[in-house]
């Protein structure tokens, strides 16, 4: 039986007086990839940032509705605790100006996850996280080098490893391949496909083909509304809504 990991009920989001999401209701299954597609200004990123309350930092942002993580209301949870359970990867790689090793070790240290643990424990976390991010073989001999010397694709996978180091339950990907070449994009997609065995993934992408390649379920957003959500194979072969068909066939967007 499929387990629901997150449940979104009647979510409405605003920036000052402008409404950017309208009555969004959907659920996200555990150990699946939900791809979210739609043209610019459809509210996709706002939706994603709401799932770990990243938008709370914006003074103009406010919301109505509920979001549940394992049946717990995320808006009543401690924010740092929430973000240890729901990690987020941004469109542009943002490595810290530290070594490759220290980039991965940073979050476990900051969250005090290493208290009372032997030194080899952090070494194991770093190696495991880099392996799971499909990066270990490329960097294992230069862990002390600055992360800023890595390629863009490697930096993005390093940022994935940094998230994995705190072992979250859900990972949010916001256009993770928008600035990457096709080879780096393929590696990130392969990493996402492998990670869903252990994590729940939500992917926002403007690349319709990427959504069709990696998504188990795909949701189509348009002008702040959820137009359609279905199994990816069904949605791309026989969408129920004309707007969905027009978008995935390139008639607009």
Protein backbone atom coordinates (compact mmCIF):
# COMPACT_ATOMS: atom_id res chain seq x y z
CA UNK A 1 0.00 0.00 0.00
CA UNK A 2 1.37 3.42 -0.97
CA UNK A 3 2.06 5.71 1.97
CA UNK A 4 1.21 9.40 1.75
CA UNK A 5 4.21 11.41 2.92
CA UNK A 6 2.85 14.94 2.52
CA UNK A 7 -0.72 16.12 2.16
CA UNK A 8 -1.62 19.62 0.95
CA UNK A 9 -5.16 20.83 1.61
CA UNK A 10 -6.71 24.02 0.18
CA UNK A 11 -3.41 25.89 0.05
CA UNK A 12 -3.65 29.54 -0.95
CA UNK A 13 -0.49 31.69 -1.06
CA UNK A 14 -0.14 35.43 -1.43
CA UNK A 15 2.55 38.09 -1.76
CA UNK A 16 0.94 41.18 -0.24
CA UNK A 17 -2.41 41.41 -2.09
CA UNK A 18 -1.39 39.25 -5.06
CA UNK A 19 -2.55 35.64 -4.94
CA UNK A 20 -0.04 33.25 -6.50
CA UNK A 21 -1.54 29.88 -5.53
CA UNK A 22 -5.26 29.13 -5.42
CA UNK A 23 -6.83 26.22 -3.54
CA UNK A 24 -4.07 23.69 -4.18
CA UNK A 25 -4.94 20.24 -2.86
CA UNK A 26 -2.83 17.17 -3.58
CA UNK A 27 -0.83 14.48 -1.82
CA UNK A 28 2.74 13.35 -2.29
CA UNK A 29 3.47 9.65 -1.99
CA UNK A 30 6.49 8.34 -0.13
CA UNK A 31 9.42 7.08 -2.21
CA UNK A 32 8.15 8.62 -5.41
CA UNK A 33 9.14 11.60 -7.52
CA UNK A 34 6.43 14.22 -8.02
CA UNK A 35 7.30 16.42 -10.99
CA UNK A 36 5.66 19.84 -11.14
CA UNK A 37 5.50 21.52 -14.54
CA UNK A 38 3.96 24.69 -15.90
CA UNK A 39 4.93 28.01 -17.50
CA UNK A 40 6.66 30.79 -15.59
CA UNK A 41 4.62 32.60 -12.95
CA UNK A 42 2.43 29.58 -12.30
CA UNK A 43 3.35 29.39 -8.61
CA UNK A 44 5.54 26.28 -8.85
CA UNK A 45 8.47 27.62 -6.84
CA UNK A 46 6.19 29.26 -4.28
CA UNK A 47 4.52 25.89 -3.78
CA UNK A 48 7.89 24.20 -3.34
CA UNK A 49 9.20 26.81 -0.92
CA UNK A 50 6.02 26.51 1.14
CA UNK A 51 6.68 22.81 1.75
CA UNK A 52 9.63 23.64 4.01
CA UNK A 53 8.50 27.17 4.91
CA UNK A 54 11.33 28.85 3.02
CA UNK A 55 8.89 31.56 1.92
CA UNK A 56 8.30 32.51 5.55
CA UNK A 57 11.36 34.74 5.30
CA UNK A 58 9.53 37.03 2.85
CA UNK A 59 7.68 39.75 4.75
CA UNK A 60 5.02 40.03 2.01
CA UNK A 61 4.26 36.31 1.94
CA UNK A 62 1.23 34.85 3.68
CA UNK A 63 -0.90 31.78 3.26
CA UNK A 64 -4.07 29.93 4.11
CA UNK A 65 -4.59 26.18 4.12
CA UNK A 66 -2.79 23.18 5.53
CA UNK A 67 0.33 21.16 4.72
CA UNK A 68 0.91 17.92 6.60
CA UNK A 69 4.11 15.88 6.88
CA UNK A 70 3.26 12.40 8.18
CA UNK A 71 -0.07 13.85 9.37
CA UNK A 72 1.67 16.65 11.32
CA UNK A 73 0.93 20.29 10.42
CA UNK A 74 4.22 21.76 9.21
CA UNK A 75 3.10 25.29 10.11
CA UNK A 76 3.09 24.36 13.79
CA UNK A 77 6.47 22.60 13.67
CA UNK A 78 9.82 24.01 14.74
CA UNK A 79 11.29 25.47 11.54
CA UNK A 80 14.79 24.04 12.00
CA UNK A 81 13.34 20.61 12.75
CA UNK A 82 11.16 20.85 9.65
CA UNK A 83 14.14 21.68 7.43
CA UNK A 84 16.10 18.75 8.83
CA UNK A 85 13.26 16.57 7.53
CA UNK A 86 12.52 18.47 4.30
CA UNK A 87 15.69 19.55 2.48
CA UNK A 88 15.84 21.81 -0.57
CA UNK A 89 18.14 22.09 -3.57
CA UNK A 90 18.07 25.35 -5.51
CA UNK A 91 18.41 26.06 -9.22
CA UNK A 92 21.96 27.42 -8.97
CA UNK A 93 24.60 25.42 -7.11
CA UNK A 94 25.51 27.18 -3.88
CA UNK A 95 28.53 25.45 -2.35
CA UNK A 96 30.02 27.00 0.76
CA UNK A 97 33.49 28.59 0.40
CA UNK A 98 34.99 25.59 2.17
CA UNK A 99 36.60 22.31 1.18
CA UNK A 100 34.57 19.55 -0.42
CA UNK A 101 34.72 17.59 2.84
CA UNK A 102 33.65 20.53 5.01
CA UNK A 103 30.74 21.34 2.70
CA UNK A 104 29.22 17.95 3.44
CA UNK A 105 30.18 17.98 7.13
CA UNK A 106 28.79 21.48 7.75
CA UNK A 107 25.11 20.67 8.30
CA UNK A 108 25.59 17.67 10.63
CA UNK A 109 27.92 19.79 12.74
CA UNK A 110 25.57 22.76 12.80
CA UNK A 111 22.63 20.58 13.79
CA UNK A 112 24.72 18.94 16.50
CA UNK A 113 24.26 15.47 15.01
CA UNK A 114 27.82 14.45 15.85
CA UNK A 115 27.72 14.92 19.62
CA UNK A 116 29.44 12.00 21.31
CA UNK A 117 30.32 10.36 18.00
CA UNK A 118 33.88 9.27 17.10
CA UNK A 119 35.77 11.18 14.39
CA UNK A 120 35.37 8.33 11.92
CA UNK A 121 31.59 8.85 12.09
CA UNK A 122 31.77 12.15 10.20
CA UNK A 123 34.13 10.54 7.68
CA UNK A 124 31.50 7.86 7.08
CA UNK A 125 28.72 10.45 6.68
CA UNK A 126 30.76 12.41 4.14
CA UNK A 127 31.67 9.33 2.11
CA UNK A 128 28.16 7.89 2.15
CA UNK A 129 26.59 11.21 1.19
CA UNK A 130 29.02 11.73 -1.68
CA UNK A 131 28.44 8.19 -2.90
CA UNK A 132 24.68 8.62 -2.79
CA UNK A 133 25.07 11.86 -4.76
CA UNK A 134 27.10 9.97 -7.43
CA UNK A 135 30.15 12.12 -6.70
CA UNK A 136 32.52 10.08 -4.52
CA UNK A 137 34.60 8.54 -7.31
CA UNK A 138 35.22 11.97 -8.81
CA UNK A 139 36.37 13.71 -5.62
CA UNK A 140 37.62 11.07 -3.17
CA UNK A 141 41.27 12.03 -3.79
CA UNK A 142 40.73 15.79 -3.36
CA UNK A 143 38.37 16.20 -0.44
CA UNK A 144 40.52 18.99 0.98
CA UNK A 145 40.26 21.09 -2.18
CA UNK A 146 37.94 24.08 -2.34
CA UNK A 147 34.45 23.27 -3.56
CA UNK A 148 34.64 26.42 -5.65
CA UNK A 149 37.07 24.64 -8.02
CA UNK A 150 34.49 22.04 -9.00
CA UNK A 151 32.46 22.13 -12.21
CA UNK A 152 28.87 23.35 -12.10
CA UNK A 153 27.48 19.83 -12.33
CA UNK A 154 29.78 18.61 -9.57
CA UNK A 155 28.82 21.55 -7.37
CA UNK A 156 25.15 20.71 -7.78
CA UNK A 157 25.75 17.10 -6.80
CA UNK A 158 27.84 18.35 -3.86
CA UNK A 159 24.82 20.35 -2.75
CA UNK A 160 22.76 17.17 -2.98
CA UNK A 161 25.35 15.40 -0.81
CA UNK A 162 25.14 18.25 1.70
CA UNK A 163 21.39 17.66 2.00
CA UNK A 164 21.83 13.88 2.29
CA UNK A 165 24.29 14.35 5.16
CA UNK A 166 21.39 15.25 7.48
CA UNK A 167 19.33 12.31 6.18
CA UNK A 168 16.04 14.13 5.46
CA UNK A 169 12.79 12.42 4.54
CA UNK A 170 11.77 14.70 1.67
CA UNK A 171 14.00 16.50 -0.84
CA UNK A 172 12.73 19.47 -2.84
CA UNK A 173 14.46 20.13 -6.18
CA UNK A 174 13.89 23.59 -7.69
CA UNK A 175 15.05 23.54 -11.32
CA UNK A 176 18.21 21.61 -10.35
CA UNK A 177 19.47 21.27 -13.93
CA UNK A 178 18.59 24.69 -15.35
CA UNK A 179 22.23 25.77 -15.67
CA UNK A 180 23.79 22.39 -16.42
CA UNK A 181 25.00 20.74 -19.61
CA UNK A 182 23.29 17.53 -20.85
CA UNK A 183 25.88 15.19 -19.31
CA UNK A 184 25.63 16.83 -15.88
CA UNK A 185 21.84 16.88 -16.19
CA UNK A 186 21.82 13.14 -16.86
CA UNK A 187 23.92 12.51 -13.74
CA UNK A 188 21.61 14.58 -11.55
CA UNK A 189 18.58 12.76 -12.96
CA UNK A 190 20.22 9.38 -12.34
CA UNK A 191 20.92 10.50 -8.78
CA UNK A 192 17.28 11.50 -8.23
CA UNK A 193 16.06 8.15 -9.56
CA UNK A 194 18.34 6.29 -7.17
CA UNK A 195 17.46 8.49 -4.20
CA UNK A 196 13.71 7.85 -4.39
CA UNK A 197 14.32 4.38 -2.95
CA UNK A 198 15.02 6.11 0.37
CA UNK A 199 13.52 9.58 0.04
CA UNK A 200 10.42 11.34 -1.22
CA UNK A 201 11.25 13.84 -3.97
CA UNK A 202 9.40 16.86 -5.34
CA UNK A 203 10.87 18.28 -8.55
CA UNK A 204 9.95 21.63 -10.07
CA UNK A 205 11.12 21.78 -13.66
CA UNK A 206 10.47 23.80 -16.80
CA UNK A 207 11.86 20.89 -18.80
CA UNK A 208 8.84 18.82 -19.82
CA UNK A 209 11.04 15.99 -21.09
CA UNK A 210 12.83 15.85 -17.74
CA UNK A 211 9.50 15.56 -15.93
CA UNK A 212 8.49 12.70 -18.21
CA UNK A 213 11.83 10.93 -17.66
CA UNK A 214 12.01 11.00 -13.87
CA UNK A 215 8.53 11.69 -12.49
CA UNK A 216 6.32 8.94 -11.13
CA UNK A 217 3.50 11.47 -10.84
CA UNK A 218 3.28 14.83 -12.64
CA UNK A 219 1.28 17.91 -11.68
CA UNK A 220 0.56 20.73 -14.11
CA UNK A 221 0.23 24.22 -12.65
CA UNK A 222 -1.14 27.19 -14.59
CA UNK A 223 -1.67 30.72 -13.28
CA UNK A 224 -1.53 29.54 -9.69
CA UNK A 225 -3.99 26.69 -10.13
CA UNK A 226 -3.49 22.94 -10.20
CA UNK A 227 -4.94 22.02 -13.59
CA UNK A 228 -4.18 18.32 -13.56
CA UNK A 229 -2.24 15.67 -11.64
CA UNK A 230 -1.83 12.04 -12.68
CA UNK A 231 0.64 9.23 -13.14
CA UNK A 232 3.31 10.61 -15.44
CA UNK A 233 2.79 7.99 -18.15
CA UNK A 234 -0.94 8.75 -18.25
CA UNK A 235 -0.60 12.52 -18.16
CA UNK A 236 1.90 12.67 -21.03
CA UNK A 237 0.06 10.15 -23.21
CA UNK A 238 -3.55 11.13 -22.56
CA UNK A 239 -3.97 14.32 -20.53
CA UNK A 240 -7.52 15.01 -19.42
CA UNK A 241 -7.36 18.79 -19.70
CA UNK A 242 -6.85 20.77 -22.91
CA UNK A 243 -4.49 23.21 -21.15
CA UNK A 244 -2.25 20.33 -20.11
CA UNK A 245 -2.13 18.93 -23.61
CA UNK A 246 -1.38 22.35 -25.09
CA UNK A 247 1.51 22.87 -22.67
CA UNK A 248 3.20 19.48 -23.03
CA UNK A 249 2.90 19.64 -26.81
CA UNK A 250 4.54 23.05 -26.89
CA UNK A 251 1.56 25.14 -28.00
CA UNK A 252 2.36 27.64 -25.23
CA UNK A 253 4.79 28.13 -22.35
